[in-house]
């Protein structure tokens, strides 16, 4: 009975969710077969609450070969899941500079906002990912965009004490005098978190 059941199971189509697992784990063979047989590069996982795409799964898993493959097959780099998060948000959050560059080369929107109005630049600054911050700014990312709390990229960098990122932002015309919803300037956040030299540097 076990043998018959096993063979029968093998002959059944693979569940859809394994496609997204394959993208996350870097199963090139599985994804190649799927795409070459007419599968959509923009398939999204409607069976989860978030509805992530194949491209997002590949970025989350750090799978550059899969990302290259999906982009080659015209995957939409600006697809947003149910949290309005894109692949570029995920790459920036994880500090994946190569992945970020691939997405930018594919035309990803640098200023796209998630449900909290956070841009990829916000994520990169929050994570202290200098290389990604530089890539985004060089690609035209707006340094003064605000999230729902009124934070700009400079607020994130100041709160983390990321001096190099602060200098990058300032050299790209980040404004020092933007207050958040709590009337705090970036310099206030730097001081609040014990970054006294940086707080002085950030005085408007």
N, C-alpha and C. Protein backbone atom coordinates (compact mmCIF):
# COMPACT_ATOMS: atom_id res chain seq x y z
N UNK A 1 0.83 -1.21 0.00
CA UNK A 1 0.00 0.00 0.00
C UNK A 1 0.86 1.26 0.00
N UNK A 2 1.89 1.27 0.81
CA UNK A 2 2.77 2.44 0.89
C UNK A 2 3.42 2.71 -0.46
N UNK A 3 3.85 1.61 -1.15
CA UNK A 3 4.52 1.77 -2.44
C UNK A 3 3.56 2.38 -3.47
N UNK A 4 2.33 1.86 -3.49
CA UNK A 4 1.34 2.37 -4.45
C UNK A 4 1.03 3.83 -4.16
N UNK A 5 0.87 4.16 -2.88
CA UNK A 5 0.56 5.54 -2.49
C UNK A 5 1.70 6.48 -2.87
N UNK A 6 2.95 6.03 -2.68
CA UNK A 6 4.11 6.85 -2.98
C UNK A 6 4.21 7.14 -4.47
N UNK A 7 3.98 6.11 -5.30
CA UNK A 7 4.04 6.30 -6.74
C UNK A 7 2.93 7.24 -7.19
N UNK A 8 1.74 7.03 -6.64
CA UNK A 8 0.60 7.88 -6.99
C UNK A 8 0.88 9.35 -6.63
N UNK A 9 1.49 9.54 -5.45
CA UNK A 9 1.82 10.89 -5.01
C UNK A 9 2.83 11.52 -5.95
N UNK A 10 3.79 10.74 -6.41
CA UNK A 10 4.83 11.25 -7.30
C UNK A 10 4.24 11.73 -8.62
N UNK A 11 3.16 11.05 -9.06
CA UNK A 11 2.56 11.39 -10.35
C UNK A 11 1.66 12.62 -10.27
N UNK A 12 1.27 13.01 -9.07
CA UNK A 12 0.42 14.18 -8.92
C UNK A 12 1.23 15.45 -9.18
N UNK A 13 0.57 16.53 -9.67
CA UNK A 13 1.27 17.80 -9.85
C UNK A 13 1.82 18.29 -8.52
N UNK A 14 2.99 18.95 -8.57
CA UNK A 14 3.55 19.49 -7.34
C UNK A 14 2.67 20.64 -6.84
N UNK A 15 2.45 20.75 -5.54
CA UNK A 15 1.64 21.84 -5.01
C UNK A 15 2.21 23.19 -5.42
N UNK A 16 1.31 24.19 -5.60
CA UNK A 16 1.75 25.50 -6.04
C UNK A 16 2.73 26.13 -5.06
N UNK A 17 2.51 25.90 -3.76
CA UNK A 17 3.36 26.57 -2.79
C UNK A 17 4.83 26.16 -2.91
N UNK A 18 5.09 24.97 -3.47
CA UNK A 18 6.49 24.56 -3.60
C UNK A 18 7.22 25.42 -4.62
N UNK A 19 6.49 26.06 -5.51
CA UNK A 19 7.10 26.95 -6.49
C UNK A 19 7.75 28.14 -5.79
N UNK A 20 7.08 28.68 -4.79
CA UNK A 20 7.60 29.82 -4.04
C UNK A 20 8.75 29.40 -3.12
N UNK A 21 8.64 28.20 -2.59
CA UNK A 21 9.75 27.65 -1.81
C UNK A 21 10.96 27.45 -2.70
N UNK A 22 10.72 26.99 -3.93
CA UNK A 22 11.81 26.79 -4.89
C UNK A 22 12.52 28.10 -5.19
N UNK A 23 11.75 29.17 -5.35
CA UNK A 23 12.34 30.48 -5.61
C UNK A 23 13.17 30.95 -4.42
N UNK A 24 12.66 30.73 -3.23
CA UNK A 24 13.37 31.16 -2.02
C UNK A 24 14.64 30.36 -1.78
N UNK A 25 14.60 29.08 -2.11
CA UNK A 25 15.75 28.20 -1.85
C UNK A 25 16.72 28.10 -3.03
N UNK A 26 16.36 28.71 -4.17
CA UNK A 26 17.28 28.72 -5.30
C UNK A 26 17.24 27.47 -6.16
N UNK A 27 16.07 26.87 -6.29
CA UNK A 27 15.91 25.67 -7.12
C UNK A 27 15.81 26.09 -8.59
N UNK A 28 16.97 26.26 -9.22
CA UNK A 28 17.03 26.74 -10.60
C UNK A 28 16.30 25.81 -11.56
N UNK A 29 16.50 24.51 -11.37
CA UNK A 29 15.88 23.52 -12.27
C UNK A 29 14.36 23.63 -12.24
N UNK A 30 13.81 23.71 -11.05
CA UNK A 30 12.34 23.80 -10.90
C UNK A 30 11.80 25.06 -11.54
N UNK A 31 12.45 26.21 -11.29
CA UNK A 31 11.97 27.47 -11.85
C UNK A 31 12.17 27.53 -13.36
N UNK A 32 13.28 26.96 -13.84
CA UNK A 32 13.53 26.94 -15.29
C UNK A 32 12.43 26.16 -15.99
N UNK A 33 12.10 24.99 -15.45
CA UNK A 33 11.05 24.16 -16.03
C UNK A 33 9.72 24.89 -16.03
N UNK A 34 9.42 25.54 -14.94
CA UNK A 34 8.16 26.29 -14.81
C UNK A 34 8.06 27.40 -15.86
N UNK A 35 9.12 28.20 -16.00
CA UNK A 35 9.10 29.32 -16.93
C UNK A 35 9.12 28.88 -18.39
N UNK A 36 9.91 27.85 -18.67
CA UNK A 36 10.01 27.37 -20.05
C UNK A 36 8.74 26.68 -20.52
N UNK A 37 7.90 26.29 -19.58
CA UNK A 37 6.62 25.67 -19.93
C UNK A 37 5.47 26.68 -19.86
N UNK A 38 5.82 27.95 -19.92
CA UNK A 38 4.80 28.99 -20.01
C UNK A 38 4.31 29.56 -18.70
N UNK A 39 4.96 29.22 -17.60
CA UNK A 39 4.55 29.76 -16.31
C UNK A 39 4.82 31.26 -16.23
N UNK A 40 3.97 31.96 -15.51
CA UNK A 40 4.11 33.42 -15.38
C UNK A 40 5.22 33.79 -14.40
N UNK A 41 6.13 34.70 -14.80
CA UNK A 41 7.17 35.15 -13.87
C UNK A 41 6.59 36.04 -12.77
N UNK A 42 5.34 36.45 -12.95
CA UNK A 42 4.69 37.33 -11.98
C UNK A 42 3.69 36.59 -11.08
N UNK A 43 3.83 35.27 -11.03
CA UNK A 43 2.97 34.47 -10.16
C UNK A 43 3.10 34.94 -8.71
N UNK A 44 1.96 35.04 -8.03
CA UNK A 44 1.99 35.44 -6.63
C UNK A 44 1.30 34.38 -5.79
N UNK A 45 1.71 34.32 -4.53
CA UNK A 45 1.22 33.29 -3.63
C UNK A 45 -0.06 33.76 -2.95
N UNK A 46 -1.20 33.49 -3.56
CA UNK A 46 -2.48 33.90 -2.99
C UNK A 46 -2.90 33.04 -1.81
N UNK A 47 -2.16 31.98 -1.55
CA UNK A 47 -2.54 31.07 -0.46
C UNK A 47 -1.98 31.53 0.88
N UNK A 48 -1.16 32.57 0.87
CA UNK A 48 -0.67 33.13 2.13
C UNK A 48 -1.32 34.49 2.34
N UNK A 49 -1.26 34.98 3.56
CA UNK A 49 -1.87 36.27 3.87
C UNK A 49 -1.18 37.42 3.16
N UNK A 50 0.11 37.23 2.84
CA UNK A 50 0.88 38.34 2.31
C UNK A 50 0.85 38.44 0.79
N UNK A 51 0.71 37.33 0.08
CA UNK A 51 0.63 37.37 -1.37
C UNK A 51 1.92 37.76 -2.05
N UNK A 52 3.04 37.21 -1.59
CA UNK A 52 4.34 37.56 -2.18
C UNK A 52 4.50 36.96 -3.57
N UNK A 53 5.35 37.59 -4.37
CA UNK A 53 5.63 37.11 -5.72
C UNK A 53 6.84 36.19 -5.73
N UNK A 54 7.05 35.54 -6.86
CA UNK A 54 8.25 34.71 -7.02
C UNK A 54 9.51 35.55 -6.87
N UNK A 55 9.49 36.75 -7.45
CA UNK A 55 10.66 37.63 -7.37
C UNK A 55 10.95 38.01 -5.92
N UNK A 56 9.91 38.33 -5.18
CA UNK A 56 10.11 38.67 -3.77
C UNK A 56 10.68 37.49 -2.99
N UNK A 57 10.17 36.30 -3.26
CA UNK A 57 10.68 35.10 -2.58
C UNK A 57 12.16 34.89 -2.88
N UNK A 58 12.54 35.10 -4.14
CA UNK A 58 13.94 34.93 -4.52
C UNK A 58 14.84 35.94 -3.82
N UNK A 59 14.35 37.17 -3.70
CA UNK A 59 15.12 38.21 -3.00
C UNK A 59 15.23 37.87 -1.52
N UNK A 60 14.13 37.46 -0.91
CA UNK A 60 14.13 37.09 0.51
C UNK A 60 15.14 35.98 0.77
N UNK A 61 15.24 35.05 -0.16
CA UNK A 61 16.19 33.95 -0.01
C UNK A 61 17.60 34.28 -0.47
N UNK A 62 17.80 35.49 -1.01
CA UNK A 62 19.13 35.88 -1.49
C UNK A 62 19.58 35.11 -2.72
N UNK A 63 18.63 34.71 -3.54
CA UNK A 63 18.92 33.85 -4.70
C UNK A 63 19.10 34.69 -5.97
N UNK A 64 20.33 35.12 -6.23
CA UNK A 64 20.60 36.01 -7.35
C UNK A 64 20.32 35.35 -8.70
N UNK A 65 20.64 34.07 -8.83
CA UNK A 65 20.39 33.38 -10.11
C UNK A 65 18.90 33.34 -10.44
N UNK A 66 18.09 33.12 -9.43
CA UNK A 66 16.64 33.09 -9.64
C UNK A 66 16.13 34.48 -9.99
N UNK A 67 16.66 35.49 -9.32
CA UNK A 67 16.28 36.87 -9.63
C UNK A 67 16.63 37.20 -11.07
N UNK A 68 17.85 36.84 -11.50
CA UNK A 68 18.26 37.07 -12.89
C UNK A 68 17.30 36.39 -13.87
N UNK A 69 16.94 35.16 -13.55
CA UNK A 69 16.06 34.38 -14.42
C UNK A 69 14.68 35.03 -14.53
N UNK A 70 14.14 35.45 -13.40
CA UNK A 70 12.81 36.05 -13.39
C UNK A 70 12.79 37.40 -14.11
N UNK A 71 13.84 38.19 -13.88
CA UNK A 71 13.93 39.48 -14.57
C UNK A 71 14.05 39.27 -16.08
N UNK A 72 14.84 38.28 -16.48
CA UNK A 72 14.99 37.96 -17.91
C UNK A 72 13.64 37.61 -18.53
N UNK A 73 12.78 36.98 -17.74
CA UNK A 73 11.44 36.60 -18.22
C UNK A 73 10.40 37.69 -17.93
N UNK A 74 10.88 38.91 -17.68
CA UNK A 74 10.01 40.10 -17.54
C UNK A 74 9.17 40.12 -16.27
N UNK A 75 9.72 39.62 -15.18
CA UNK A 75 9.03 39.76 -13.90
C UNK A 75 8.93 41.25 -13.56
N UNK A 76 7.82 41.64 -12.99
CA UNK A 76 7.59 43.04 -12.63
C UNK A 76 8.34 43.38 -11.34
N UNK A 77 9.38 44.24 -11.41
CA UNK A 77 10.15 44.55 -10.20
C UNK A 77 9.37 45.38 -9.19
N UNK A 78 8.27 46.00 -9.64
CA UNK A 78 7.50 46.87 -8.76
C UNK A 78 6.23 46.22 -8.21
N UNK A 79 6.08 44.91 -8.42
CA UNK A 79 4.93 44.23 -7.83
C UNK A 79 4.96 44.42 -6.31
N UNK A 80 3.82 44.79 -5.74
CA UNK A 80 3.73 44.98 -4.30
C UNK A 80 2.79 43.95 -3.69
N UNK A 81 3.20 43.38 -2.56
CA UNK A 81 2.36 42.40 -1.88
C UNK A 81 1.26 43.11 -1.08
N UNK A 82 0.58 42.39 -0.22
CA UNK A 82 -0.56 42.96 0.49
C UNK A 82 -0.15 44.00 1.53
N UNK A 83 1.14 44.06 1.86
CA UNK A 83 1.66 45.11 2.73
C UNK A 83 2.25 46.25 1.92
N UNK A 84 2.04 46.18 0.60
CA UNK A 84 2.56 47.17 -0.36
C UNK A 84 4.09 47.19 -0.38
N UNK A 85 4.69 46.08 -0.02
CA UNK A 85 6.14 45.94 -0.03
C UNK A 85 6.59 45.35 -1.36
N UNK A 86 7.67 45.88 -1.92
CA UNK A 86 8.20 45.38 -3.18
C UNK A 86 9.49 44.60 -2.95
N UNK A 87 9.99 44.00 -4.02
CA UNK A 87 11.26 43.28 -3.94
C UNK A 87 12.39 44.20 -3.51
N UNK A 88 12.34 45.47 -3.96
CA UNK A 88 13.40 46.42 -3.59
C UNK A 88 13.38 46.72 -2.10
N UNK A 89 12.21 46.78 -1.50
CA UNK A 89 12.13 46.94 -0.04
C UNK A 89 12.86 45.80 0.66
N UNK A 90 12.59 44.56 0.20
CA UNK A 90 13.21 43.39 0.83
C UNK A 90 14.73 43.41 0.65
N UNK A 91 15.19 43.76 -0.54
CA UNK A 91 16.64 43.80 -0.80
C UNK A 91 17.32 44.86 0.06
N UNK A 92 16.69 46.03 0.15
CA UNK A 92 17.25 47.12 0.95
C UNK A 92 17.27 46.78 2.43
N UNK A 93 16.22 46.16 2.90
CA UNK A 93 16.11 45.78 4.31
C UNK A 93 17.20 44.79 4.71
N UNK A 94 17.55 43.91 3.78
CA UNK A 94 18.55 42.88 4.06
C UNK A 94 19.97 43.30 3.71
N UNK A 95 20.12 44.50 3.15
CA UNK A 95 21.46 44.97 2.79
C UNK A 95 22.07 44.24 1.62
N UNK A 96 21.24 43.77 0.71
CA UNK A 96 21.71 42.99 -0.44
C UNK A 96 22.04 43.93 -1.59
N UNK A 97 23.28 44.40 -1.65
CA UNK A 97 23.65 45.41 -2.64
C UNK A 97 23.59 44.89 -4.07
N UNK A 98 24.07 43.66 -4.30
CA UNK A 98 24.00 43.10 -5.66
C UNK A 98 22.55 42.94 -6.12
N UNK A 99 21.72 42.48 -5.21
CA UNK A 99 20.31 42.29 -5.52
C UNK A 99 19.65 43.64 -5.79
N UNK A 100 20.00 44.62 -4.98
CA UNK A 100 19.48 45.98 -5.17
C UNK A 100 19.83 46.51 -6.54
N UNK A 101 21.09 46.32 -6.94
CA UNK A 101 21.52 46.80 -8.26
C UNK A 101 20.77 46.11 -9.39
N UNK A 102 20.56 44.81 -9.26
CA UNK A 102 19.82 44.07 -10.29
C UNK A 102 18.40 44.62 -10.44
N UNK A 103 17.76 44.89 -9.32
CA UNK A 103 16.39 45.41 -9.36
C UNK A 103 16.34 46.83 -9.92
N UNK A 104 17.33 47.63 -9.56
CA UNK A 104 17.40 48.99 -10.11
C UNK A 104 17.63 48.95 -11.61
N UNK A 105 18.50 48.06 -12.05
CA UNK A 105 18.76 47.90 -13.49
C UNK A 105 17.50 47.46 -14.24
N UNK A 106 16.64 46.74 -13.52
CA UNK A 106 15.38 46.27 -14.13
C UNK A 106 14.29 47.33 -14.10
N UNK A 107 14.62 48.49 -13.54
CA UNK A 107 13.67 49.60 -13.53
C UNK A 107 12.84 49.75 -12.27
N UNK A 108 13.26 49.14 -11.17
CA UNK A 108 12.50 49.25 -9.92
C UNK A 108 12.41 50.70 -9.46
N UNK A 109 11.26 51.07 -8.95
CA UNK A 109 11.00 52.42 -8.45
C UNK A 109 11.73 52.62 -7.13
N UNK A 110 12.62 53.61 -7.08
CA UNK A 110 13.40 53.84 -5.86
C UNK A 110 12.57 54.44 -4.74
N UNK A 111 11.49 55.12 -5.08
CA UNK A 111 10.71 55.84 -4.07
C UNK A 111 9.37 55.18 -3.74
N UNK A 112 9.22 53.92 -4.11
CA UNK A 112 7.99 53.20 -3.82
C UNK A 112 7.78 53.10 -2.31
N UNK A 113 6.52 53.22 -1.86
CA UNK A 113 6.23 53.21 -0.43
C UNK A 113 5.38 52.01 -0.05
N UNK A 114 5.69 51.44 1.12
CA UNK A 114 4.87 50.34 1.63
C UNK A 114 3.68 50.91 2.39
N UNK A 115 2.95 50.06 3.08
CA UNK A 115 1.74 50.50 3.78
C UNK A 115 2.04 51.48 4.91
N UNK A 116 3.29 51.51 5.36
CA UNK A 116 3.70 52.47 6.38
C UNK A 116 4.40 53.68 5.79
N UNK A 117 4.28 53.82 4.46
CA UNK A 117 4.92 54.91 3.69
C UNK A 117 6.44 54.88 3.80
N UNK A 118 6.99 53.71 4.01
CA UNK A 118 8.45 53.56 4.08
C UNK A 118 8.98 53.21 2.70
N UNK A 119 10.05 53.88 2.32
CA UNK A 119 10.70 53.62 1.04
C UNK A 119 11.85 52.63 1.24
N UNK A 120 12.40 52.09 0.15
CA UNK A 120 13.59 51.24 0.29
C UNK A 120 14.73 51.97 1.00
N UNK A 121 14.85 53.29 0.77
CA UNK A 121 15.90 54.06 1.44
C UNK A 121 15.70 54.06 2.95
N UNK A 122 14.47 54.16 3.40
CA UNK A 122 14.19 54.08 4.84
C UNK A 122 14.69 52.75 5.41
N UNK A 123 14.38 51.66 4.71
CA UNK A 123 14.80 50.34 5.17
C UNK A 123 16.32 50.22 5.23
N UNK A 124 16.98 50.72 4.19
CA UNK A 124 18.44 50.63 4.13
C UNK A 124 19.09 51.45 5.24
N UNK A 125 18.55 52.63 5.50
CA UNK A 125 19.09 53.48 6.57
C UNK A 125 18.84 52.86 7.94
N UNK A 126 17.68 52.30 8.14
CA UNK A 126 17.37 51.65 9.41
C UNK A 126 18.30 50.47 9.68
N UNK A 127 18.69 49.78 8.62
CA UNK A 127 19.58 48.63 8.77
C UNK A 127 21.06 48.97 8.76
N UNK A 128 21.38 50.24 8.49
CA UNK A 128 22.78 50.65 8.45
C UNK A 128 23.53 50.13 7.24
N UNK A 129 22.82 49.92 6.14
CA UNK A 129 23.42 49.32 4.95
C UNK A 129 23.96 50.42 4.01
N UNK A 130 25.20 50.81 4.26
CA UNK A 130 25.79 51.96 3.56
C UNK A 130 25.80 51.77 2.04
N UNK A 131 26.23 50.60 1.58
CA UNK A 131 26.34 50.36 0.14
C UNK A 131 24.98 50.47 -0.55
N UNK A 132 23.96 49.96 0.09
CA UNK A 132 22.62 50.02 -0.49
C UNK A 132 22.11 51.46 -0.49
N UNK A 133 22.37 52.18 0.58
CA UNK A 133 21.99 53.60 0.63
C UNK A 133 22.63 54.36 -0.52
N UNK A 134 23.90 54.11 -0.74
CA UNK A 134 24.62 54.79 -1.83
C UNK A 134 24.01 54.45 -3.19
N UNK A 135 23.72 53.17 -3.41
CA UNK A 135 23.12 52.75 -4.67
C UNK A 135 21.78 53.44 -4.91
N UNK A 136 20.96 53.49 -3.88
CA UNK A 136 19.64 54.09 -4.01
C UNK A 136 19.74 55.59 -4.29
N UNK A 137 20.61 56.27 -3.57
CA UNK A 137 20.79 57.70 -3.79
C UNK A 137 21.35 57.98 -5.18
N UNK A 138 22.32 57.18 -5.60
CA UNK A 138 22.89 57.35 -6.94
C UNK A 138 21.86 57.10 -8.03
N UNK A 139 20.82 56.33 -7.70
CA UNK A 139 19.76 56.03 -8.66
C UNK A 139 18.59 57.00 -8.56
N UNK A 140 18.76 58.04 -7.75
CA UNK A 140 17.75 59.09 -7.69
C UNK A 140 16.75 59.01 -6.57
N UNK A 141 16.99 58.17 -5.57
CA UNK A 141 16.06 58.07 -4.44
C UNK A 141 15.94 59.42 -3.73
N UNK A 142 14.72 59.77 -3.36
CA UNK A 142 14.46 61.02 -2.66
C UNK A 142 14.85 60.89 -1.19
N UNK A 143 15.75 61.75 -0.69
CA UNK A 143 16.21 61.60 0.69
C UNK A 143 15.24 62.15 1.73
N UNK A 144 14.26 62.95 1.30
CA UNK A 144 13.41 63.63 2.28
C UNK A 144 11.98 63.09 2.38
N UNK A 145 11.73 61.93 1.80
CA UNK A 145 10.41 61.32 1.92
C UNK A 145 10.11 60.91 3.35
N UNK A 146 8.84 61.04 3.77
CA UNK A 146 8.45 60.73 5.14
C UNK A 146 7.62 59.45 5.22
N UNK A 147 7.81 58.71 6.34
CA UNK A 147 6.92 57.58 6.61
C UNK A 147 5.70 58.09 7.39
N UNK A 148 4.84 57.18 7.84
CA UNK A 148 3.61 57.61 8.52
C UNK A 148 3.89 58.34 9.83
N UNK A 149 5.06 58.11 10.42
CA UNK A 149 5.42 58.78 11.66
C UNK A 149 6.15 60.09 11.41
N UNK A 150 6.34 60.42 10.13
CA UNK A 150 7.03 61.65 9.78
C UNK A 150 8.54 61.53 9.72
N UNK A 151 9.04 60.29 9.81
CA UNK A 151 10.49 60.08 9.75
C UNK A 151 10.98 60.13 8.31
N UNK A 152 12.10 60.82 8.13
CA UNK A 152 12.82 60.77 6.86
C UNK A 152 13.96 59.76 7.00
N UNK A 153 14.69 59.56 5.92
CA UNK A 153 15.86 58.67 5.97
C UNK A 153 16.85 59.15 7.02
N UNK A 154 16.95 60.48 7.16
CA UNK A 154 17.89 61.05 8.12
C UNK A 154 17.48 60.74 9.56
N UNK A 155 16.20 60.68 9.83
CA UNK A 155 15.73 60.29 11.17
C UNK A 155 16.20 58.87 11.50
N UNK A 156 16.06 57.97 10.52
CA UNK A 156 16.50 56.59 10.74
C UNK A 156 18.01 56.53 11.00
N UNK A 157 18.77 57.17 10.15
CA UNK A 157 20.23 57.13 10.27
C UNK A 157 20.69 57.77 11.58
N UNK A 158 20.06 58.88 11.95
CA UNK A 158 20.42 59.58 13.18
C UNK A 158 20.13 58.72 14.41
N UNK A 159 18.98 58.06 14.41
CA UNK A 159 18.61 57.24 15.56
C UNK A 159 19.55 56.06 15.75
N UNK A 160 20.13 55.58 14.64
CA UNK A 160 21.05 54.44 14.68
C UNK A 160 22.50 54.87 14.89
N UNK A 161 22.76 56.16 14.80
CA UNK A 161 24.14 56.64 14.94
C UNK A 161 25.01 56.31 13.74
N UNK A 162 24.40 56.22 12.58
CA UNK A 162 25.12 55.83 11.35
C UNK A 162 25.74 57.06 10.69
N UNK A 163 26.92 57.43 11.16
CA UNK A 163 27.57 58.66 10.70
C UNK A 163 27.81 58.66 9.19
N UNK A 164 28.29 57.55 8.64
CA UNK A 164 28.59 57.50 7.21
C UNK A 164 27.32 57.69 6.38
N UNK A 165 26.24 57.10 6.83
CA UNK A 165 24.98 57.25 6.11
C UNK A 165 24.46 58.68 6.23
N UNK A 166 24.61 59.26 7.41
CA UNK A 166 24.21 60.66 7.59
C UNK A 166 24.95 61.56 6.61
N UNK A 167 26.25 61.35 6.49
CA UNK A 167 27.05 62.17 5.56
C UNK A 167 26.60 61.97 4.12
N UNK A 168 26.30 60.73 3.76
CA UNK A 168 25.79 60.44 2.41
C UNK A 168 24.48 61.18 2.15
N UNK A 169 23.59 61.12 3.11
CA UNK A 169 22.30 61.78 2.96
C UNK A 169 22.45 63.29 2.87
N UNK A 170 23.31 63.84 3.72
CA UNK A 170 23.51 65.29 3.71
C UNK A 170 24.13 65.75 2.39
N UNK A 171 25.01 64.94 1.83
CA UNK A 171 25.62 65.30 0.55
C UNK A 171 24.62 65.18 -0.60
N UNK A 172 23.49 64.55 -0.33
CA UNK A 172 22.41 64.44 -1.31
C UNK A 172 21.21 65.32 -0.94
N UNK A 173 21.50 66.38 -0.21
CA UNK A 173 20.51 67.41 0.13
C UNK A 173 19.40 66.93 1.07
N UNK A 174 19.73 66.03 1.96
CA UNK A 174 18.76 65.68 3.00
C UNK A 174 18.61 66.88 3.94
N UNK A 175 17.39 67.19 4.30
CA UNK A 175 17.11 68.36 5.12
C UNK A 175 17.25 68.04 6.61
N UNK A 176 17.92 68.94 7.31
CA UNK A 176 18.16 68.75 8.75
C UNK A 176 16.99 69.23 9.60
N UNK A 177 16.12 70.05 9.03
CA UNK A 177 15.08 70.72 9.83
C UNK A 177 13.70 70.10 9.70
N UNK A 178 13.63 68.84 9.27
CA UNK A 178 12.33 68.17 9.14
C UNK A 178 11.94 67.52 10.47
N UNK A 179 10.79 67.90 10.99
CA UNK A 179 10.30 67.33 12.25
C UNK A 179 9.35 66.17 11.97
N UNK A 180 9.42 65.16 12.86
CA UNK A 180 8.49 64.04 12.72
C UNK A 180 7.17 64.37 13.42
N UNK A 181 6.30 63.38 13.55
CA UNK A 181 4.99 63.61 14.17
C UNK A 181 5.10 64.00 15.64
N UNK A 182 6.23 63.67 16.24
CA UNK A 182 6.43 64.03 17.64
C UNK A 182 7.27 65.28 17.81
N UNK A 183 7.40 66.06 16.72
CA UNK A 183 8.17 67.31 16.71
C UNK A 183 9.65 67.10 16.93
N UNK A 184 10.15 65.92 16.60
CA UNK A 184 11.58 65.65 16.76
C UNK A 184 12.33 65.79 15.45
N UNK A 185 13.47 66.46 15.54
CA UNK A 185 14.39 66.58 14.42
C UNK A 185 15.34 65.37 14.43
N UNK A 186 16.03 65.12 13.34
CA UNK A 186 17.04 64.06 13.34
C UNK A 186 18.07 64.23 14.46
N UNK A 187 18.47 65.47 14.72
CA UNK A 187 19.46 65.71 15.78
C UNK A 187 18.91 65.31 17.15
N UNK A 188 17.61 65.48 17.36
CA UNK A 188 16.99 65.08 18.63
C UNK A 188 17.07 63.56 18.82
N UNK A 189 16.84 62.83 17.73
CA UNK A 189 16.89 61.37 17.81
C UNK A 189 18.32 60.88 18.05
N UNK A 190 19.28 61.54 17.43
CA UNK A 190 20.68 61.18 17.65
C UNK A 190 21.05 61.38 19.13
N UNK A 191 20.65 62.51 19.68
CA UNK A 191 20.94 62.82 21.08
C UNK A 191 20.23 61.84 22.01
N UNK A 192 18.98 61.57 21.71
CA UNK A 192 18.16 60.66 22.52
C UNK A 192 18.78 59.27 22.61
N UNK A 193 19.48 58.87 21.55
CA UNK A 193 20.09 57.54 21.50
C UNK A 193 21.58 57.54 21.83
N UNK A 194 22.05 58.65 22.38
CA UNK A 194 23.42 58.71 22.88
C UNK A 194 24.49 59.02 21.85
N UNK A 195 24.11 59.49 20.68
CA UNK A 195 25.08 59.80 19.62
C UNK A 195 25.33 61.31 19.62
N UNK A 196 26.09 61.76 20.62
CA UNK A 196 26.21 63.19 20.88
C UNK A 196 26.96 63.95 19.78
N UNK A 197 28.05 63.38 19.28
CA UNK A 197 28.79 64.05 18.21
C UNK A 197 27.93 64.18 16.96
N UNK A 198 27.23 63.13 16.66
CA UNK A 198 26.36 63.14 15.49
C UNK A 198 25.22 64.15 15.68
N UNK A 199 24.71 64.24 16.89
CA UNK A 199 23.65 65.21 17.18
C UNK A 199 24.13 66.63 16.90
N UNK A 200 25.37 66.89 17.27
CA UNK A 200 25.95 68.21 17.01
C UNK A 200 26.09 68.46 15.51
N UNK A 201 26.51 67.43 14.79
CA UNK A 201 26.68 67.53 13.34
C UNK A 201 25.34 67.80 12.65
N UNK A 202 24.27 67.32 13.23
CA UNK A 202 22.95 67.42 12.62
C UNK A 202 22.17 68.67 13.03
N UNK A 203 22.78 69.53 13.81
CA UNK A 203 22.08 70.76 14.19
C UNK A 203 21.73 71.58 12.95
N UNK A 204 20.47 71.98 12.81
CA UNK A 204 20.06 72.78 11.63
C UNK A 204 20.78 74.13 11.59
